Amino acid sequence: MVITFDFDDTLKLTKLLRDEDGDIAGIDYTGDEPNVLILNKLKKALDAGHAVHIVTSRLWSEASEEGMKKWLASQLADHGGLAALAGIHFTDGKLKRDKLLSLGSQLHFDDSPEELLALPKSIRKVQVRNLDPSWDPPAPMAEAAVRRWVRSILSS
């Protein structure tokens, strides 16, 4: 079976940055904290002999690829490191649908509802939630502020 995993907020947690008013100011990608629940699912897939690919919508850069490889190698050291993976793929900001189809993915883990909705029915989907508490809205933050921020990201 071919199983695919998103990277940011699926395997590796990011932190949401907020300004003094609690509004979203950006995302910190520099942390090293894994989403242990999903990382364990990846390791179980490797143990079962499945072909496991990492597919990210990040823009490719040498620094980004090297950072991902370093993090993955450390997290998978007890499972053969990077050699255990069938591949690491960048979609450069595009939806992952075409890449997942070309890989023959049968099961995909992702935190993005947009990515999951774009997938055909032939690919089973697992929606992942970023468990870092920074993603929980502060009490006074209105849902409308989150929607405004998401719209501003999608329109840029």
N, C-alpha and C. Protein backbone atom coordinates (compact mmCIF):
# COMPACT_ATOMS: atom_id res chain seq x y z
N MET A 1 0.85 -1.18 0.00
CA MET A 1 0.00 0.00 0.00
C MET A 1 0.89 1.24 0.00
N VAL A 2 0.49 2.26 -0.74
CA VAL A 2 1.20 3.53 -0.75
C VAL A 2 0.46 4.48 0.20
N ILE A 3 1.18 4.97 1.20
CA ILE A 3 0.61 5.89 2.20
C ILE A 3 1.41 7.18 2.15
N THR A 4 0.70 8.30 2.13
CA THR A 4 1.35 9.61 2.05
C THR A 4 1.00 10.45 3.27
N PHE A 5 1.96 11.27 3.65
CA PHE A 5 1.81 12.16 4.80
C PHE A 5 2.23 13.56 4.41
N ASP A 6 1.43 14.54 4.79
CA ASP A 6 1.84 15.93 4.73
C ASP A 6 2.94 16.12 5.78
N PHE A 7 3.69 17.21 5.70
CA PHE A 7 4.77 17.44 6.65
C PHE A 7 4.35 18.44 7.74
N ASP A 8 4.23 19.73 7.37
CA ASP A 8 3.93 20.77 8.37
C ASP A 8 2.54 20.60 8.95
N ASP A 9 2.47 20.60 10.26
CA ASP A 9 1.23 20.49 11.04
C ASP A 9 0.58 19.12 10.97
N THR A 10 1.20 18.20 10.24
CA THR A 10 0.75 16.82 10.22
C THR A 10 1.77 15.96 10.96
N LEU A 11 3.01 15.98 10.48
CA LEU A 11 4.09 15.27 11.17
C LEU A 11 4.84 16.18 12.14
N LYS A 12 5.14 17.38 11.70
CA LYS A 12 5.91 18.34 12.51
C LYS A 12 5.01 19.52 12.85
N LEU A 13 4.90 19.80 14.14
CA LEU A 13 4.01 20.87 14.59
C LEU A 13 4.66 22.23 14.38
N THR A 14 3.86 23.18 13.96
CA THR A 14 4.29 24.58 13.88
C THR A 14 3.58 25.34 14.99
N LYS A 15 4.02 26.55 15.21
CA LYS A 15 3.40 27.40 16.23
C LYS A 15 2.80 28.62 15.55
N LEU A 16 1.62 28.99 16.00
CA LEU A 16 0.96 30.18 15.51
C LEU A 16 1.47 31.37 16.30
N LEU A 17 1.89 32.41 15.61
CA LEU A 17 2.37 33.64 16.25
C LEU A 17 1.24 34.65 16.30
N ARG A 18 1.10 35.30 17.44
CA ARG A 18 0.04 36.30 17.62
C ARG A 18 0.63 37.63 18.06
N ASP A 19 -0.04 38.70 17.67
CA ASP A 19 0.39 40.03 18.13
C ASP A 19 -0.21 40.30 19.50
N GLU A 20 0.04 41.49 20.00
CA GLU A 20 -0.40 41.82 21.37
C GLU A 20 -1.92 41.82 21.53
N ASP A 21 -2.66 41.93 20.42
CA ASP A 21 -4.12 41.89 20.47
C ASP A 21 -4.67 40.46 20.33
N GLY A 22 -3.79 39.51 20.13
CA GLY A 22 -4.22 38.13 19.95
C GLY A 22 -4.51 37.77 18.51
N ASP A 23 -4.30 38.74 17.60
CA ASP A 23 -4.53 38.46 16.18
C ASP A 23 -3.36 37.65 15.63
N ILE A 24 -3.64 36.87 14.61
CA ILE A 24 -2.63 36.02 14.01
C ILE A 24 -1.61 36.89 13.27
N ALA A 25 -0.33 36.70 13.61
CA ALA A 25 0.74 37.49 13.01
C ALA A 25 1.63 36.66 12.08
N GLY A 26 1.52 35.36 12.13
CA GLY A 26 2.35 34.51 11.27
C GLY A 26 2.45 33.11 11.84
N ILE A 27 3.34 32.33 11.24
CA ILE A 27 3.55 30.95 11.65
C ILE A 27 5.04 30.71 11.82
N ASP A 28 5.40 30.06 12.91
CA ASP A 28 6.79 29.71 13.19
C ASP A 28 7.02 28.25 12.78
N TYR A 29 7.85 28.06 11.76
CA TYR A 29 8.15 26.73 11.25
C TYR A 29 9.44 26.14 11.83
N THR A 30 10.07 26.85 12.77
CA THR A 30 11.42 26.47 13.21
C THR A 30 11.45 25.45 14.33
N GLY A 31 10.33 25.15 14.95
CA GLY A 31 10.32 24.19 16.06
C GLY A 31 10.61 22.77 15.60
N ASP A 32 10.88 21.91 16.55
CA ASP A 32 11.20 20.52 16.23
C ASP A 32 10.20 19.53 16.80
N GLU A 33 9.10 20.01 17.35
CA GLU A 33 8.18 19.11 18.03
C GLU A 33 7.36 18.28 17.04
N PRO A 34 7.38 16.97 17.21
CA PRO A 34 6.59 16.12 16.32
C PRO A 34 5.14 16.00 16.79
N ASN A 35 4.27 15.68 15.86
CA ASN A 35 2.92 15.26 16.19
C ASN A 35 3.06 13.75 16.45
N VAL A 36 3.27 13.40 17.69
CA VAL A 36 3.63 12.02 18.06
C VAL A 36 2.59 11.02 17.57
N LEU A 37 1.33 11.35 17.66
CA LEU A 37 0.26 10.44 17.22
C LEU A 37 0.43 10.07 15.75
N ILE A 38 0.63 11.06 14.91
CA ILE A 38 0.74 10.80 13.47
C ILE A 38 2.10 10.21 13.12
N LEU A 39 3.16 10.67 13.80
CA LEU A 39 4.49 10.09 13.56
C LEU A 39 4.48 8.59 13.88
N ASN A 40 3.77 8.22 14.93
CA ASN A 40 3.66 6.79 15.27
C ASN A 40 2.90 6.01 14.19
N LYS A 41 1.90 6.65 13.57
CA LYS A 41 1.18 5.99 12.47
C LYS A 41 2.11 5.79 11.28
N LEU A 42 2.97 6.78 11.02
CA LEU A 42 3.95 6.64 9.94
C LEU A 42 4.89 5.48 10.23
N LYS A 43 5.38 5.40 11.46
CA LYS A 43 6.30 4.32 11.84
C LYS A 43 5.63 2.95 11.73
N LYS A 44 4.36 2.87 12.12
CA LYS A 44 3.63 1.60 11.99
C LYS A 44 3.47 1.21 10.52
N ALA A 45 3.25 2.21 9.67
CA ALA A 45 3.13 1.93 8.23
C ALA A 45 4.46 1.39 7.70
N LEU A 46 5.57 1.97 8.15
CA LEU A 46 6.89 1.47 7.74
C LEU A 46 7.10 0.05 8.24
N ASP A 47 6.74 -0.20 9.50
CA ASP A 47 6.89 -1.53 10.08
C ASP A 47 6.09 -2.58 9.30
N ALA A 48 4.94 -2.15 8.77
CA ALA A 48 4.08 -3.08 8.02
C ALA A 48 4.54 -3.25 6.58
N GLY A 49 5.60 -2.54 6.19
CA GLY A 49 6.14 -2.70 4.85
C GLY A 49 5.49 -1.85 3.78
N HIS A 50 4.70 -0.85 4.18
CA HIS A 50 4.06 0.02 3.20
C HIS A 50 5.07 1.02 2.63
N ALA A 51 4.82 1.47 1.42
CA ALA A 51 5.63 2.53 0.81
C ALA A 51 5.12 3.87 1.35
N VAL A 52 5.97 4.58 2.07
CA VAL A 52 5.58 5.83 2.72
C VAL A 52 6.29 7.00 2.05
N HIS A 53 5.49 7.97 1.60
CA HIS A 53 6.01 9.19 0.98
C HIS A 53 5.60 10.39 1.83
N ILE A 54 6.48 11.38 1.87
CA ILE A 54 6.14 12.69 2.46
C ILE A 54 5.85 13.61 1.29
N VAL A 55 4.70 14.27 1.31
CA VAL A 55 4.31 15.19 0.24
C VAL A 55 3.93 16.52 0.90
N THR A 56 4.69 17.56 0.57
CA THR A 56 4.47 18.87 1.17
C THR A 56 4.15 19.89 0.09
N SER A 57 3.31 20.85 0.43
CA SER A 57 3.02 21.93 -0.52
C SER A 57 4.03 23.08 -0.37
N ARG A 58 5.03 22.89 0.47
CA ARG A 58 6.08 23.90 0.60
C ARG A 58 6.71 24.19 -0.77
N LEU A 59 7.21 25.41 -0.91
CA LEU A 59 8.03 25.74 -2.07
C LEU A 59 9.38 25.07 -1.87
N TRP A 60 9.89 24.42 -2.93
CA TRP A 60 11.17 23.75 -2.79
C TRP A 60 12.29 24.77 -2.68
N SER A 61 13.18 24.53 -1.75
CA SER A 61 14.47 25.21 -1.69
C SER A 61 15.43 24.21 -1.07
N GLU A 62 16.69 24.39 -1.34
CA GLU A 62 17.68 23.48 -0.79
C GLU A 62 17.61 23.49 0.73
N ALA A 63 17.48 24.70 1.31
CA ALA A 63 17.42 24.82 2.77
C ALA A 63 16.19 24.12 3.34
N SER A 64 15.05 24.28 2.67
CA SER A 64 13.81 23.64 3.14
C SER A 64 13.94 22.12 3.06
N GLU A 65 14.45 21.63 1.93
CA GLU A 65 14.60 20.18 1.78
C GLU A 65 15.58 19.62 2.82
N GLU A 66 16.70 20.29 3.01
CA GLU A 66 17.69 19.82 3.98
C GLU A 66 17.13 19.85 5.40
N GLY A 67 16.38 20.90 5.74
CA GLY A 67 15.76 20.98 7.07
C GLY A 67 14.77 19.85 7.30
N MET A 68 13.94 19.57 6.29
CA MET A 68 12.98 18.47 6.41
C MET A 68 13.71 17.14 6.56
N LYS A 69 14.73 16.92 5.72
CA LYS A 69 15.47 15.65 5.78
C LYS A 69 16.14 15.46 7.13
N LYS A 70 16.71 16.53 7.66
CA LYS A 70 17.38 16.44 8.96
C LYS A 70 16.36 16.06 10.04
N TRP A 71 15.21 16.72 10.04
CA TRP A 71 14.18 16.46 11.04
C TRP A 71 13.65 15.03 10.89
N LEU A 72 13.35 14.62 9.67
CA LEU A 72 12.83 13.28 9.43
C LEU A 72 13.85 12.21 9.81
N ALA A 73 15.12 12.44 9.47
CA ALA A 73 16.16 11.46 9.81
C ALA A 73 16.25 11.27 11.32
N SER A 74 16.14 12.35 12.07
CA SER A 74 16.21 12.24 13.53
C SER A 74 14.98 11.53 14.09
N GLN A 75 13.82 11.80 13.53
CA GLN A 75 12.58 11.18 14.02
C GLN A 75 12.47 9.71 13.63
N LEU A 76 13.11 9.35 12.53
CA LEU A 76 13.01 7.97 12.02
C LEU A 76 14.29 7.18 12.25
N ALA A 77 15.16 7.67 13.11
CA ALA A 77 16.45 6.99 13.37
C ALA A 77 16.24 5.54 13.80
N ASP A 78 15.17 5.28 14.55
CA ASP A 78 14.90 3.92 15.03
C ASP A 78 14.18 3.06 13.99
N HIS A 79 13.94 3.63 12.79
CA HIS A 79 13.25 2.90 11.71
C HIS A 79 14.04 2.96 10.39
N GLY A 80 15.34 3.19 10.47
CA GLY A 80 16.15 3.21 9.26
C GLY A 80 16.40 4.58 8.68
N GLY A 81 15.96 5.63 9.37
CA GLY A 81 16.21 6.99 8.89
C GLY A 81 15.52 7.28 7.58
N LEU A 82 16.11 8.18 6.80
CA LEU A 82 15.51 8.60 5.53
C LEU A 82 15.37 7.45 4.54
N ALA A 83 16.26 6.47 4.63
CA ALA A 83 16.22 5.34 3.70
C ALA A 83 14.92 4.56 3.81
N ALA A 84 14.23 4.67 4.94
CA ALA A 84 12.97 3.95 5.12
C ALA A 84 11.84 4.55 4.28
N LEU A 85 11.98 5.83 3.91
CA LEU A 85 10.93 6.50 3.15
C LEU A 85 11.06 6.21 1.67
N ALA A 86 9.92 6.12 0.99
CA ALA A 86 9.91 5.92 -0.45
C ALA A 86 10.22 7.21 -1.19
N GLY A 87 10.02 8.36 -0.54
CA GLY A 87 10.33 9.64 -1.18
C GLY A 87 9.82 10.83 -0.40
N ILE A 88 10.40 11.98 -0.73
CA ILE A 88 9.97 13.27 -0.20
C ILE A 88 9.69 14.14 -1.41
N HIS A 89 8.50 14.74 -1.45
CA HIS A 89 8.05 15.47 -2.64
C HIS A 89 7.52 16.85 -2.27
N PHE A 90 7.84 17.85 -3.08
CA PHE A 90 7.37 19.22 -2.92
C PHE A 90 6.40 19.53 -4.06
N THR A 91 5.27 20.20 -3.74
CA THR A 91 4.35 20.59 -4.80
C THR A 91 4.43 22.09 -5.09
N ASP A 92 5.32 22.78 -4.42
CA ASP A 92 5.57 24.21 -4.69
C ASP A 92 4.30 25.06 -4.63
N GLY A 93 3.51 24.86 -3.59
CA GLY A 93 2.32 25.68 -3.37
C GLY A 93 1.07 25.16 -4.07
N LYS A 94 1.20 24.15 -4.89
CA LYS A 94 0.04 23.59 -5.58
C LYS A 94 -0.62 22.53 -4.71
N LEU A 95 -1.89 22.26 -4.97
CA LEU A 95 -2.58 21.18 -4.28
C LEU A 95 -1.85 19.86 -4.54
N LYS A 96 -1.92 18.97 -3.59
CA LYS A 96 -1.18 17.71 -3.66
C LYS A 96 -1.86 16.64 -4.52
N ARG A 97 -3.06 16.86 -4.95
CA ARG A 97 -3.87 15.86 -5.66
C ARG A 97 -3.10 15.14 -6.77
N ASP A 98 -2.53 15.89 -7.70
CA ASP A 98 -1.85 15.27 -8.84
C ASP A 98 -0.65 14.44 -8.40
N LYS A 99 0.12 14.95 -7.46
CA LYS A 99 1.29 14.21 -6.97
C LYS A 99 0.85 12.92 -6.28
N LEU A 100 -0.21 13.00 -5.47
CA LEU A 100 -0.68 11.80 -4.78
C LEU A 100 -1.19 10.75 -5.77
N LEU A 101 -1.88 11.21 -6.81
CA LEU A 101 -2.36 10.28 -7.83
C LEU A 101 -1.18 9.64 -8.57
N SER A 102 -0.16 10.44 -8.89
CA SER A 102 0.98 9.88 -9.62
C SER A 102 1.77 8.88 -8.77
N LEU A 103 1.74 9.06 -7.45
CA LEU A 103 2.42 8.14 -6.55
C LEU A 103 1.59 6.88 -6.29
N GLY A 104 0.30 6.95 -6.61
CA GLY A 104 -0.59 5.81 -6.33
C GLY A 104 -1.03 5.77 -4.87
N SER A 105 -1.07 6.93 -4.23
CA SER A 105 -1.45 6.98 -2.81
C SER A 105 -2.84 6.37 -2.61
N GLN A 106 -2.93 5.55 -1.57
CA GLN A 106 -4.22 4.96 -1.22
C GLN A 106 -4.75 5.53 0.10
N LEU A 107 -3.85 6.17 0.87
CA LEU A 107 -4.22 6.74 2.16
C LEU A 107 -3.35 7.98 2.37
N HIS A 108 -3.99 9.13 2.69
CA HIS A 108 -3.25 10.37 2.87
C HIS A 108 -3.64 11.05 4.18
N PHE A 109 -2.62 11.46 4.94
CA PHE A 109 -2.79 12.19 6.20
C PHE A 109 -2.44 13.65 5.95
N ASP A 110 -3.34 14.57 6.30
CA ASP A 110 -3.09 16.00 6.07
C ASP A 110 -3.91 16.83 7.05
N ASP A 111 -3.39 18.01 7.39
CA ASP A 111 -4.13 18.92 8.28
C ASP A 111 -5.02 19.87 7.49
N SER A 112 -4.87 19.94 6.18
CA SER A 112 -5.58 20.92 5.37
C SER A 112 -6.89 20.37 4.83
N PRO A 113 -8.02 20.94 5.26
CA PRO A 113 -9.30 20.51 4.69
C PRO A 113 -9.35 20.72 3.17
N GLU A 114 -8.74 21.81 2.71
CA GLU A 114 -8.72 22.11 1.27
C GLU A 114 -8.02 20.98 0.49
N GLU A 115 -6.88 20.53 1.00
CA GLU A 115 -6.16 19.44 0.35
C GLU A 115 -7.00 18.17 0.33
N LEU A 116 -7.62 17.86 1.45
CA LEU A 116 -8.40 16.62 1.55
C LEU A 116 -9.64 16.65 0.67
N LEU A 117 -10.29 17.81 0.59
CA LEU A 117 -11.48 17.93 -0.26
C LEU A 117 -11.14 17.78 -1.74
N ALA A 118 -9.93 18.14 -2.12
CA ALA A 118 -9.52 18.07 -3.53
C ALA A 118 -9.17 16.64 -3.97
N LEU A 119 -9.04 15.73 -3.02
CA LEU A 119 -8.63 14.37 -3.36
C LEU A 119 -9.79 13.55 -3.91
N PRO A 120 -9.50 12.64 -4.84
CA PRO A 120 -10.56 11.77 -5.36
C PRO A 120 -10.98 10.75 -4.31
N LYS A 121 -12.12 10.14 -4.53
CA LYS A 121 -12.64 9.15 -3.58
C LYS A 121 -11.75 7.92 -3.47
N SER A 122 -10.90 7.71 -4.46
CA SER A 122 -10.03 6.52 -4.44
C SER A 122 -8.94 6.62 -3.38
N ILE A 123 -8.70 7.81 -2.86
CA ILE A 123 -7.69 8.00 -1.81
C ILE A 123 -8.41 8.21 -0.48
N ARG A 124 -8.19 7.29 0.47
CA ARG A 124 -8.75 7.48 1.81
C ARG A 124 -8.04 8.65 2.47
N LYS A 125 -8.79 9.42 3.25
CA LYS A 125 -8.27 10.65 3.82
C LYS A 125 -8.35 10.62 5.34
N VAL A 126 -7.31 11.17 5.99
CA VAL A 126 -7.31 11.33 7.43
C VAL A 126 -6.98 12.79 7.72
N GLN A 127 -7.93 13.51 8.32
CA GLN A 127 -7.67 14.90 8.69
C GLN A 127 -6.95 14.93 10.02
N VAL A 128 -5.87 15.69 10.07
CA VAL A 128 -5.02 15.81 11.24
C VAL A 128 -5.20 17.19 11.82
N ARG A 129 -5.17 17.28 13.13
CA ARG A 129 -5.27 18.56 13.83
C ARG A 129 -3.92 18.89 14.44
N ASN A 130 -3.47 20.14 14.26
CA ASN A 130 -2.24 20.57 14.92
C ASN A 130 -2.53 20.64 16.42
N LEU A 131 -1.78 19.88 17.19
CA LEU A 131 -2.02 19.78 18.63
C LEU A 131 -1.29 20.84 19.44
N ASP A 132 -0.49 21.70 18.77
CA ASP A 132 0.20 22.74 19.51
C ASP A 132 -0.84 23.74 20.04
N PRO A 133 -0.78 24.06 21.35
CA PRO A 133 -1.80 24.95 21.93
C PRO A 133 -1.84 26.35 21.33
N SER A 134 -0.77 26.76 20.64
CA SER A 134 -0.78 28.10 20.04
C SER A 134 -1.86 28.22 18.97
N TRP A 135 -2.32 27.09 18.42
CA TRP A 135 -3.35 27.12 17.39
C TRP A 135 -4.76 27.25 17.97
N ASP A 136 -4.90 27.08 19.28
CA ASP A 136 -6.21 27.28 19.90
C ASP A 136 -6.46 28.77 20.02
N PRO A 137 -7.60 29.25 19.54
CA PRO A 137 -7.86 30.69 19.62
C PRO A 137 -7.92 31.16 21.07
N PRO A 138 -7.32 32.32 21.35
CA PRO A 138 -7.46 32.86 22.70
C PRO A 138 -8.92 33.20 22.96
N ALA A 139 -9.31 33.19 24.20
CA ALA A 139 -10.72 33.40 24.57
C ALA A 139 -11.36 34.61 23.90
N PRO A 140 -10.71 35.78 23.88
CA PRO A 140 -11.38 36.95 23.29
C PRO A 140 -11.36 36.99 21.76
N MET A 141 -10.63 36.09 21.13
CA MET A 141 -10.50 36.15 19.68
C MET A 141 -11.76 35.63 19.01
N ALA A 142 -12.35 36.43 18.16
CA ALA A 142 -13.60 36.05 17.50
C ALA A 142 -13.31 35.15 16.30
N GLU A 143 -14.27 34.30 15.98
CA GLU A 143 -14.14 33.43 14.82
C GLU A 143 -13.97 34.24 13.54
N ALA A 144 -14.58 35.41 13.50
CA ALA A 144 -14.48 36.25 12.31
C ALA A 144 -13.03 36.65 12.03
N ALA A 145 -12.24 36.85 13.08
CA ALA A 145 -10.83 37.22 12.90
C ALA A 145 -10.06 36.07 12.24
N VAL A 146 -10.37 34.86 12.62
CA VAL A 146 -9.72 33.70 12.01
C VAL A 146 -10.11 33.62 10.54
N ARG A 147 -11.38 33.80 10.24
CA ARG A 147 -11.84 33.76 8.85
C ARG A 147 -11.16 34.84 8.01
N ARG A 148 -11.02 36.06 8.57
CA ARG A 148 -10.35 37.15 7.85
C ARG A 148 -8.91 36.76 7.54
N TRP A 149 -8.23 36.18 8.53
CA TRP A 149 -6.83 35.81 8.34
C TRP A 149 -6.71 34.73 7.27
N VAL A 150 -7.57 33.72 7.30
CA VAL A 150 -7.53 32.65 6.30
C VAL A 150 -7.79 33.22 4.91
N ARG A 151 -8.78 34.12 4.79
CA ARG A 151 -9.07 34.74 3.49
C ARG A 151 -7.85 35.53 2.99
N SER A 152 -7.16 36.22 3.91
CA SER A 152 -6.00 37.02 3.48
C SER A 152 -4.88 36.11 3.00
N ILE A 153 -4.70 34.94 3.62
CA ILE A 153 -3.68 33.99 3.18
C ILE A 153 -4.04 33.42 1.82
N LEU A 154 -5.30 33.03 1.65
CA LEU A 154 -5.72 32.40 0.40
C LEU A 154 -5.71 33.37 -0.77
N SER A 155 -5.91 34.65 -0.51
CA SER A 155 -5.96 35.63 -1.60
C SER A 155 -4.58 36.17 -1.96
N SER A 156 -3.56 35.84 -1.16
CA SER A 156 -2.22 36.36 -1.49
C SER A 156 -1.44 35.44 -2.37
